[in-house]
Every structure is written in structure tokens, then in C-alpha cells.
Amino acid sequence: MSENSLLQRLDGIEGRFEEVSTLITDPDVIADMRRYVKLTKEYKELEKLVEATRRYRNLLANIDEARQVLDTERDDELRAMAREELDSATDALPALEEQIKLLLVPSDPEDSKNAIVEIRGGTGGDEAALFAGDLFKMYSRYCENRGWNVAVTSFSEGAAGGFKEIVFAVSGDNVYGTLKYESGVHRVQRVPATETQGRVHTSAATVAVLPEAEEFDVEINEGEIKWDTFRSGGAGGQNVNKVESGVRLRYMWRNPVTGESEEILIECTETRDQPKNKERALSRLRTFIYDKEHQKYIDDIASRRKTLVSTGDRSAKIRTYNYPQGRITDHRINYTIYNLQAFVGGDIQECIDRLTVAENAEKLKSSEL
């Protein structure tokens, strides 16, 4: 894209930024929470673009000024300074142009949301449950390194350890936009602890990363929710066994596309505080419904743009963890590394970065920028 055409795309950006800046201080807008949140997100996106645009215009101005000095000035010292400025600005220009092009591509409105992560043991029995437990530890350590908060909502332990299923919420900055690439089938190849003859087995676990729905994202008639309480059981002392802190909700949800009704059942035993468990169960209900309704949006994107990085198909095999060879392979981008222990210890950022780059390249290609 030429400088002129890129500048044409940037026309009006600063004006819109000033307009949004004014709107988010308007009392009428603040009173409309749905509109206020939408404008606040737009403000944050425009702020990055405006900052990059101003740096871009300054670079272009510096290049023009340096060229004028070289064309008109005879002083060797001034010409040397101008040449240095021209070289520096010219070298910085391509990277800034690429940054601006990416900022011009409409971002996924869900990226800034918190996430609900569901890990389930798949084929492989006890070994699959153990692997699901390993994945949970991997993500927990990664989130801890990022400064994100992890709160387990529900889990079902495997007979030999690990989890048949574990659901947890992750809150922080741009959580869903980072973790969404982890959705899919994760496959492990290793010798299980129960294997007596040293044979390598292949097991799998599925990971689903969902954007956490906020209260105004979906409409729920709370009067139609049926609540039950029960004793949580398990570790935690006498309080857990005597107090009915666990909650169970039932809600009949009508699919707006098919018109069919479906009963949603959610349990939460995370805390010893029943009101907190109710609040978290409601959050999971909102996220479940939002995910169902949001799937049409994901399918629409997939039909228009076949991306290298699938974030919608949760049945796709995305990654293999080969313990005998210490190898990790991400099948979507043909990325292979041999630092398995560090990877399962939470060092997954490089892989996520490469997935992000691949996705951004597809976005730029489809946007013809």
C-alpha cells in the first residue's frame, strides 16, 4: 500500500477519536451501559491507531524535511545530519506501516473479554484425565506468569488423578484474544504410569476457550431459574460437609435460530460462600448462552475467510505433545519445538505469538491491505 493510500485510510480517524472521547463523558451515554461499554472499547482501539498515525505523519514529515536539506544545503555537517535522519526515518517506516495496517483491520470484539476455559479428558481413559490435569497446570502457570487470575468453577477428578473435566475462569487483560487459539483437540504421546511394558500410548483432551459474557451481552429471565443447594463434599473441613454451599441451577433456554428449547444444568462448588457460588453459576450460564448465540458469528467469519488458525472448530486436532522425543508440534502452522518440559511448564508464549502472526497475516490478506 502506498503512503498516499494509507494516509487516505487514516483520514477521519483523529476526528472520530475526538468524537468518541467526548461521547464517553456524556451522562446520557454513561447511563446506557451497553452503549458506554461499546464506545469505551472503540476509544481504546482508536487511541492506539491515533498514536501510530501521529508517529507515521511525523516520520513522513521528517523524511520530507531531510530531503529538502539534502537538496538545498551545502554545509557538510548539516547534510550529514540530514542523511542520518533520512536513513533512520526510512528504516522505521515499513514496520510502522505494518503496525497501522493491522490496527486498521477490525479486531474481534471478543478479544478484550475474560475467558471461560473447559478442559475434558478424551480418548485414553485414565491417561486422558491425567493429561487434562497436565494441561490445567500448564495454563495455570502461564496465566500466573501473565498476572491473570484463575478461578476454578467446577471439576470432576479422574480415578488415577487429573481431571475428567475441569472448568475455570481467567480474568485479566486481553485474555480471550490470547487464549482463543488453544481451543481444539490436544494429543499426547507418552508411556502412561499404568503401562507395565513401556509402550507409548496416544491419548487426547479437548480444550474449549469461550469469551466470558457480561450481564448485558445476553438476556436471562432470572425468575425462571430453578435453584438447588447441596453440600459440596470433598476437602475443606467440617464446614464443607455440613453447610449447603454448593449450588445447582436449571434454566430452559430457547434457541433463537432453531426455536428449540434446551435445559441448561450448571453446578458450582468453588467457594464455601453460597452467594458467591450463585454469582459464578450465573456467569457460566450467561457465557454458555452467549457462546451458543455467538457461534453464528464465528461460522459467518469462517465462511468468508478460511484462516490458518481455526478458533471455531473445537473438534480439530491442533497440537501434539510427544514425550519420548520431547517434542511439541502445532499442526495449524507446522510449528515444532523440542522444549516440551518448559512448554508444559507454562512457557507457551512463543507458540501463541506465532499463531497470532499467522492469523494477522490472514486478516491482512483478506482485507487487501
Protein backbone atom coordinates (compact mmCIF):
# COMPACT_ATOMS: atom_id res chain seq x y z
CA MET A 1 0.00 0.00 0.00
CA SER A 2 1.40 3.40 -0.99
CA GLU A 3 1.89 6.21 1.50
CA ASN A 4 -0.92 8.25 -0.05
CA SER A 5 -3.48 5.42 0.01
CA LEU A 6 -2.58 4.57 3.60
CA LEU A 7 -2.98 8.22 4.60
CA GLN A 8 -6.37 8.24 2.88
CA ARG A 9 -7.45 5.27 5.04
CA LEU A 10 -6.34 7.25 8.10
CA ASP A 11 -8.36 10.36 7.20
CA GLY A 12 -11.05 10.98 9.76
CA ILE A 13 -9.55 8.67 12.40
CA GLU A 14 -8.48 11.53 14.67
CA GLY A 15 -11.85 13.23 14.23
CA ARG A 16 -13.70 10.07 15.26
CA PHE A 17 -11.33 9.66 18.22
CA GLU A 18 -12.17 13.16 19.46
CA GLU A 19 -15.88 12.47 18.96
CA VAL A 20 -15.74 9.22 20.98
CA SER A 21 -13.64 10.97 23.65
CA THR A 22 -16.47 13.46 24.12
CA LEU A 23 -19.25 10.87 24.00
CA ILE A 24 -17.85 8.70 26.81
CA THR A 25 -18.07 11.69 29.18
CA ASP A 26 -21.72 12.38 28.27
CA PRO A 27 -24.05 11.50 31.21
CA ASP A 28 -26.70 10.13 28.83
CA VAL A 29 -24.16 7.75 27.28
CA ILE A 30 -22.82 6.68 30.68
CA ALA A 31 -26.39 5.84 31.75
CA ASP A 32 -26.72 3.48 28.75
CA MET A 33 -24.27 0.78 29.87
CA ARG A 34 -24.37 -1.21 26.64
CA ARG A 35 -23.53 1.85 24.53
CA TYR A 36 -20.96 3.11 27.04
CA VAL A 37 -19.03 -0.17 27.03
CA LYS A 38 -19.09 -0.31 23.23
CA LEU A 39 -17.76 3.25 22.95
CA THR A 40 -15.11 2.65 25.61
CA LYS A 41 -13.76 -0.31 23.62
CA GLU A 42 -13.79 1.78 20.45
CA TYR A 43 -11.91 4.53 22.29
CA LYS A 44 -9.15 2.13 23.35
CA GLU A 45 -8.77 0.80 19.80
CA LEU A 46 -8.78 4.27 18.24
CA GLU A 47 -6.28 5.53 20.82
CA LYS A 48 -3.68 3.03 19.58
CA LEU A 49 -4.39 3.87 15.96
CA VAL A 50 -4.27 7.65 16.53
CA GLU A 51 -0.94 7.35 18.35
CA ALA A 52 0.52 5.27 15.49
CA THR A 53 -0.94 7.67 12.91
CA ARG A 54 0.70 10.68 14.55
CA ARG A 55 4.06 8.89 14.65
CA TYR A 56 3.59 7.98 10.98
CA ARG A 57 2.86 11.56 9.95
CA ASN A 58 5.90 12.74 11.93
CA LEU A 59 8.12 10.21 10.17
CA LEU A 60 6.88 11.33 6.75
CA ALA A 61 7.45 14.98 7.72
CA ASN A 62 10.99 14.17 8.92
CA ILE A 63 11.72 12.39 5.62
CA ASP A 64 10.49 15.38 3.58
CA GLU A 65 12.48 17.81 5.71
CA ALA A 66 15.66 15.74 5.45
CA ARG A 67 15.30 15.51 1.66
CA GLN A 68 14.83 19.26 1.40
CA VAL A 69 18.03 19.84 3.39
CA LEU A 70 19.95 17.46 1.13
CA ASP A 71 18.57 19.23 -1.96
CA THR A 72 19.32 22.79 -0.81
CA GLU A 73 22.03 22.75 1.87
CA ARG A 74 25.73 22.92 1.08
CA ASP A 75 27.08 22.62 4.63
CA ASP A 76 28.64 19.14 5.02
CA GLU A 77 27.75 18.82 8.71
CA LEU A 78 24.08 19.69 8.13
CA ARG A 79 23.93 17.35 5.15
CA ALA A 80 25.40 14.51 7.24
CA MET A 81 22.78 15.10 9.96
CA ALA A 82 20.03 15.16 7.32
CA ARG A 83 21.30 11.94 5.76
CA GLU A 84 21.32 10.24 9.16
CA GLU A 85 17.76 11.44 9.88
CA LEU A 86 16.58 10.28 6.44
CA ASP A 87 18.10 6.82 6.86
CA SER A 88 16.67 6.43 10.38
CA ALA A 89 13.15 7.51 9.40
CA THR A 90 13.15 5.45 6.19
CA ASP A 91 14.22 2.32 8.12
CA ALA A 92 11.45 2.84 10.71
CA LEU A 93 8.71 3.42 8.13
CA PRO A 94 7.92 -0.18 6.96
CA ALA A 95 7.43 -1.59 10.47
CA LEU A 96 5.14 1.31 11.42
CA GLU A 97 3.13 0.86 8.22
CA GLU A 98 2.60 -2.84 9.05
CA GLN A 99 1.51 -1.91 12.57
CA ILE A 100 -1.00 0.59 11.20
CA LYS A 101 -2.35 -1.90 8.66
CA LEU A 102 -3.01 -4.39 11.47
CA LEU A 103 -4.70 -1.71 13.56
CA LEU A 104 -6.93 -0.85 10.58
CA VAL A 105 -8.18 -4.46 10.38
CA PRO A 106 -11.33 -4.69 12.54
CA SER A 107 -10.42 -6.61 15.69
CA ASP A 108 -12.53 -9.40 17.13
CA PRO A 109 -14.83 -7.60 19.59
CA GLU A 110 -14.45 -10.54 21.96
CA ASP A 111 -10.67 -10.32 22.28
CA SER A 112 -10.70 -7.96 25.25
CA LYS A 113 -13.06 -10.18 27.27
CA ASN A 114 -12.19 -12.53 30.10
CA ALA A 115 -12.46 -16.24 29.27
CA ILE A 116 -14.05 -19.44 30.47
CA VAL A 117 -11.82 -22.45 29.77
CA GLU A 118 -13.15 -26.02 29.71
CA ILE A 119 -10.74 -28.98 29.61
CA ARG A 120 -12.09 -32.51 29.17
CA GLY A 121 -10.26 -35.82 29.01
CA GLY A 122 -10.97 -37.52 25.69
CA THR A 123 -9.85 -40.88 24.32
CA GLY A 124 -7.42 -42.70 26.58
CA GLY A 125 -9.26 -43.30 29.87
CA ASP A 126 -7.17 -42.60 32.99
CA GLU A 127 -4.25 -41.33 30.91
CA ALA A 128 -6.52 -38.77 29.19
CA ALA A 129 -7.64 -37.49 32.60
CA LEU A 130 -4.00 -37.19 33.72
CA PHE A 131 -3.20 -35.27 30.53
CA ALA A 132 -6.17 -32.95 31.14
CA GLY A 133 -4.65 -32.28 34.57
CA ASP A 134 -1.29 -31.50 32.95
CA LEU A 135 -2.96 -29.04 30.57
CA PHE A 136 -4.67 -27.32 33.50
CA LYS A 137 -1.31 -26.94 35.27
CA MET A 138 0.23 -25.59 32.05
CA TYR A 139 -2.44 -22.93 31.62
CA SER A 140 -2.43 -22.08 35.34
CA ARG A 141 1.30 -21.39 35.27
CA TYR A 142 1.03 -19.41 32.05
CA CYS A 143 -1.78 -17.28 33.49
CA GLU A 144 0.21 -16.74 36.69
CA ASN A 145 3.17 -15.52 34.64
CA ARG A 146 0.87 -13.10 32.81
CA GLY A 147 -0.56 -11.79 36.07
CA TRP A 148 -4.03 -13.15 35.28
CA ASN A 149 -6.41 -14.53 37.88
CA VAL A 150 -7.61 -18.15 37.61
CA ALA A 151 -10.74 -19.32 39.45
CA VAL A 152 -11.87 -22.95 39.17
CA THR A 153 -15.63 -23.16 38.73
CA SER A 154 -16.15 -26.93 38.70
CA PHE A 155 -14.19 -30.14 38.24
CA SER A 156 -14.51 -33.90 38.17
CA GLU A 157 -11.39 -35.83 39.17
CA GLY A 158 -10.10 -38.86 37.30
CA ALA A 159 -9.80 -42.24 39.03
CA ALA A 160 -5.97 -42.18 38.77
CA GLY A 161 -5.61 -38.41 39.15
CA GLY A 162 -6.01 -35.45 36.85
CA PHE A 163 -9.47 -34.44 35.70
CA LYS A 164 -12.23 -35.97 33.65
CA GLU A 165 -13.38 -32.36 33.28
CA ILE A 166 -12.36 -29.01 34.75
CA VAL A 167 -13.86 -25.58 34.10
CA PHE A 168 -12.14 -22.37 35.16
CA ALA A 169 -12.47 -18.64 34.61
CA VAL A 170 -9.50 -16.45 33.66
CA SER A 171 -9.63 -12.70 34.18
CA GLY A 172 -7.10 -10.10 33.10
CA ASP A 173 -6.07 -8.02 30.10
CA ASN A 174 -7.00 -9.35 26.63
CA VAL A 175 -7.45 -12.88 27.98
CA TYR A 176 -9.79 -14.31 25.33
CA GLY A 177 -7.81 -12.72 22.50
CA THR A 178 -4.73 -14.57 23.73
CA LEU A 179 -6.13 -17.94 24.82
CA LYS A 180 -8.67 -18.44 22.00
CA TYR A 181 -6.01 -20.18 19.87
CA GLU A 182 -5.93 -23.03 22.43
CA SER A 183 -9.41 -24.30 21.50
CA GLY A 184 -9.30 -27.75 19.93
CA VAL A 185 -8.04 -31.29 20.50
CA HIS A 186 -4.65 -31.67 22.21
CA ARG A 187 -2.98 -35.06 21.71
CA VAL A 188 -0.32 -36.62 23.93
CA GLN A 189 2.07 -39.47 23.09
CA ARG A 190 3.85 -40.98 26.12
CA VAL A 191 4.23 -44.06 28.30
CA PRO A 192 1.41 -43.96 30.88
CA ALA A 193 2.22 -44.56 34.55
CA THR A 194 -0.06 -47.62 34.39
CA GLU A 195 1.82 -49.15 31.42
CA THR A 196 3.97 -52.11 32.56
CA GLN A 197 5.68 -52.88 29.23
CA GLY A 198 6.90 -49.39 28.38
CA ARG A 199 4.68 -48.93 25.34
CA VAL A 200 3.87 -45.42 24.12
CA HIS A 201 0.14 -44.66 24.17
CA THR A 202 -1.74 -41.86 22.43
CA SER A 203 -4.42 -40.02 24.39
CA ALA A 204 -6.28 -36.76 23.92
CA ALA A 205 -8.02 -33.95 25.75
CA THR A 206 -10.25 -31.21 24.38
CA VAL A 207 -9.91 -27.55 25.28
CA ALA A 208 -12.68 -25.01 24.72
CA VAL A 209 -11.98 -21.32 25.33
CA LEU A 210 -15.13 -19.18 25.47
CA PRO A 211 -15.43 -15.40 25.80
CA GLU A 212 -16.98 -14.64 29.17
CA ALA A 213 -20.35 -12.98 28.69
CA GLU A 214 -21.12 -9.82 30.62
CA GLU A 215 -24.54 -9.10 32.10
CA PHE A 216 -25.74 -7.00 29.18
CA ASP A 217 -24.46 -9.43 26.49
CA VAL A 218 -27.40 -11.81 26.93
CA GLU A 219 -30.91 -11.55 28.28
CA ILE A 220 -31.82 -14.00 31.04
CA ASN A 221 -35.12 -14.11 32.90
CA GLU A 222 -33.71 -14.82 36.37
CA GLY A 223 -37.21 -15.52 37.64
CA GLU A 224 -37.27 -18.70 35.54
CA ILE A 225 -34.06 -20.08 37.04
CA LYS A 226 -34.60 -23.06 39.35
CA TRP A 227 -32.03 -23.19 42.14
CA ASP A 228 -30.98 -26.16 44.31
CA THR A 229 -28.36 -26.21 47.04
CA PHE A 230 -26.29 -29.12 48.29
CA ARG A 231 -23.28 -29.95 50.42
CA SER A 232 -20.08 -29.58 48.45
CA GLY A 233 -18.23 -32.56 49.96
CA GLY A 234 -14.54 -33.23 49.46
CA ALA A 235 -11.65 -31.43 51.14
CA GLY A 236 -12.25 -28.33 53.22
CA GLY A 237 -13.14 -29.50 56.72
CA GLN A 238 -16.42 -29.81 58.53
CA ASN A 239 -17.86 -26.59 57.09
CA VAL A 240 -17.95 -28.03 53.57
CA ASN A 241 -19.70 -31.19 54.71
CA LYS A 242 -22.31 -29.50 56.95
CA VAL A 243 -23.21 -26.31 55.04
CA GLU A 244 -25.12 -26.41 51.74
CA SER A 245 -22.75 -24.05 49.93
CA GLY A 246 -22.87 -25.82 46.57
CA VAL A 247 -25.45 -24.52 44.07
CA ARG A 248 -27.16 -26.04 41.06
CA LEU A 249 -29.21 -24.06 38.55
CA ARG A 250 -31.63 -25.23 35.87
CA TYR A 251 -32.72 -22.93 33.09
CA MET A 252 -34.82 -23.53 29.97
CA TRP A 253 -33.21 -21.69 27.08
CA ARG A 254 -34.87 -21.23 23.71
CA ASN A 255 -32.53 -21.23 20.71
CA PRO A 256 -33.39 -18.05 18.72
CA VAL A 257 -32.26 -19.68 15.46
CA THR A 258 -33.88 -23.14 15.64
CA GLY A 259 -36.67 -22.29 18.10
CA GLU A 260 -35.87 -25.45 20.07
CA SER A 261 -35.76 -25.39 23.88
CA GLU A 262 -32.87 -26.83 25.87
CA GLU A 263 -32.45 -27.28 29.62
CA ILE A 264 -29.15 -25.95 30.89
CA LEU A 265 -27.79 -27.51 34.09
CA ILE A 266 -24.86 -25.84 35.89
CA GLU A 267 -23.26 -26.66 39.24
CA CYS A 268 -20.79 -24.55 41.19
CA THR A 269 -18.97 -25.65 44.34
CA GLU A 270 -15.93 -23.42 44.06
CA THR A 271 -16.27 -21.46 47.31
CA ARG A 272 -17.76 -22.04 50.76
CA ASP A 273 -19.94 -18.96 50.22
CA GLN A 274 -23.30 -19.83 48.65
CA PRO A 275 -23.98 -16.31 47.24
CA LYS A 276 -20.57 -16.31 45.53
CA ASN A 277 -21.26 -19.73 44.04
CA LYS A 278 -24.63 -18.45 42.75
CA GLU A 279 -22.91 -15.45 41.17
CA ARG A 280 -20.37 -17.67 39.43
CA ALA A 281 -23.03 -20.12 38.26
CA LEU A 282 -24.91 -17.18 36.72
CA SER A 283 -21.72 -16.07 35.00
CA ARG A 284 -21.32 -19.55 33.49
CA LEU A 285 -24.97 -19.53 32.38
CA ARG A 286 -24.51 -16.19 30.61
CA THR A 287 -21.32 -17.45 28.95
CA PHE A 288 -22.98 -20.72 27.84
CA ILE A 289 -25.91 -18.91 26.22
CA TYR A 290 -23.67 -16.25 24.71
CA ASP A 291 -21.41 -18.93 23.22
CA LYS A 292 -24.40 -20.67 21.63
CA GLU A 293 -25.69 -17.44 20.11
CA HIS A 294 -22.19 -16.26 19.19
CA GLN A 295 -21.46 -19.42 17.20
CA LYS A 296 -23.40 -17.99 14.25
CA TYR A 297 -20.95 -15.06 14.22
CA ILE A 298 -17.97 -17.46 14.26
CA ASP A 299 -19.48 -19.58 11.47
CA ASP A 300 -20.08 -16.46 9.39
CA ILE A 301 -16.43 -15.43 9.72
CA ALA A 302 -15.29 -18.95 8.79
CA SER A 303 -17.47 -18.97 5.66
CA ARG A 304 -16.00 -15.67 4.49
CA ARG A 305 -12.39 -16.23 5.43
CA LYS A 306 -10.70 -19.60 5.79
CA THR A 307 -7.99 -18.83 8.34
CA LEU A 308 -4.85 -20.80 9.03
CA VAL A 309 -5.69 -20.67 12.71
CA SER A 310 -9.04 -22.26 13.46
CA THR A 311 -10.65 -20.76 16.55
CA GLY A 312 -14.19 -22.03 15.96
CA ASP A 313 -13.85 -25.76 15.30
CA ARG A 314 -13.31 -27.44 18.66
CA SER A 315 -13.04 -30.92 17.10
CA ALA A 316 -9.88 -30.02 15.15
CA LYS A 317 -6.61 -31.65 16.27
CA ILE A 318 -4.37 -28.67 16.90
CA ARG A 319 -1.30 -29.85 18.84
CA THR A 320 0.69 -32.98 19.71
CA TYR A 321 2.83 -33.38 22.83
CA ASN A 322 5.39 -36.16 22.17
CA TYR A 323 7.15 -37.05 25.43
CA PRO A 324 9.65 -39.69 24.14
CA GLN A 325 11.14 -37.12 21.75
CA GLY A 326 10.49 -34.06 23.95
CA ARG A 327 8.64 -32.53 21.00
CA ILE A 328 5.71 -30.13 20.66
CA THR A 329 4.03 -29.74 17.26
CA ASP A 330 1.28 -27.26 16.44
CA HIS A 331 -0.35 -28.65 13.31
CA ARG A 332 -2.05 -25.43 12.22
CA ILE A 333 1.19 -23.58 11.45
CA ASN A 334 3.64 -26.53 11.22
CA TYR A 335 5.45 -25.24 14.30
CA THR A 336 7.72 -27.76 16.04
CA ILE A 337 9.99 -27.23 19.04
CA TYR A 338 11.90 -29.57 21.35
CA ASN A 339 11.42 -27.96 24.77
CA LEU A 340 8.43 -29.99 25.95
CA GLN A 341 9.15 -29.72 29.67
CA ALA A 342 9.34 -25.92 29.54
CA PHE A 343 6.22 -25.80 27.36
CA VAL A 344 4.04 -27.88 29.68
CA GLY A 345 5.53 -25.81 32.50
CA GLY A 346 3.70 -22.79 31.09
CA ASP A 347 6.22 -21.42 28.58
CA ILE A 348 3.73 -21.25 25.68
CA GLN A 349 4.00 -17.57 24.71
CA GLU A 350 6.20 -18.09 21.63
CA CYS A 351 3.69 -20.54 20.17
CA ILE A 352 0.80 -18.16 20.84
CA ASP A 353 2.79 -15.32 19.24
CA ARG A 354 3.35 -17.38 16.09
CA LEU A 355 -0.35 -18.28 15.93
CA THR A 356 -1.22 -14.60 16.30
CA VAL A 357 1.17 -13.65 13.48
CA ALA A 358 -0.35 -16.32 11.22
CA GLU A 359 -3.86 -15.11 11.98
CA ASN A 360 -2.91 -11.48 11.40
CA ALA A 361 -1.34 -12.37 8.04
CA GLU A 362 -4.63 -13.97 7.01
CA LYS A 363 -6.58 -10.92 8.16
CA LEU A 364 -4.34 -8.58 6.16
CA LYS A 365 -4.65 -10.80 3.09
CA SER A 366 -8.45 -10.94 3.30
CA SER A 367 -8.68 -7.19 3.94
CA GLU A 368 -6.42 -6.46 0.94
CA LEU A 369 -4.35 -4.00 2.96
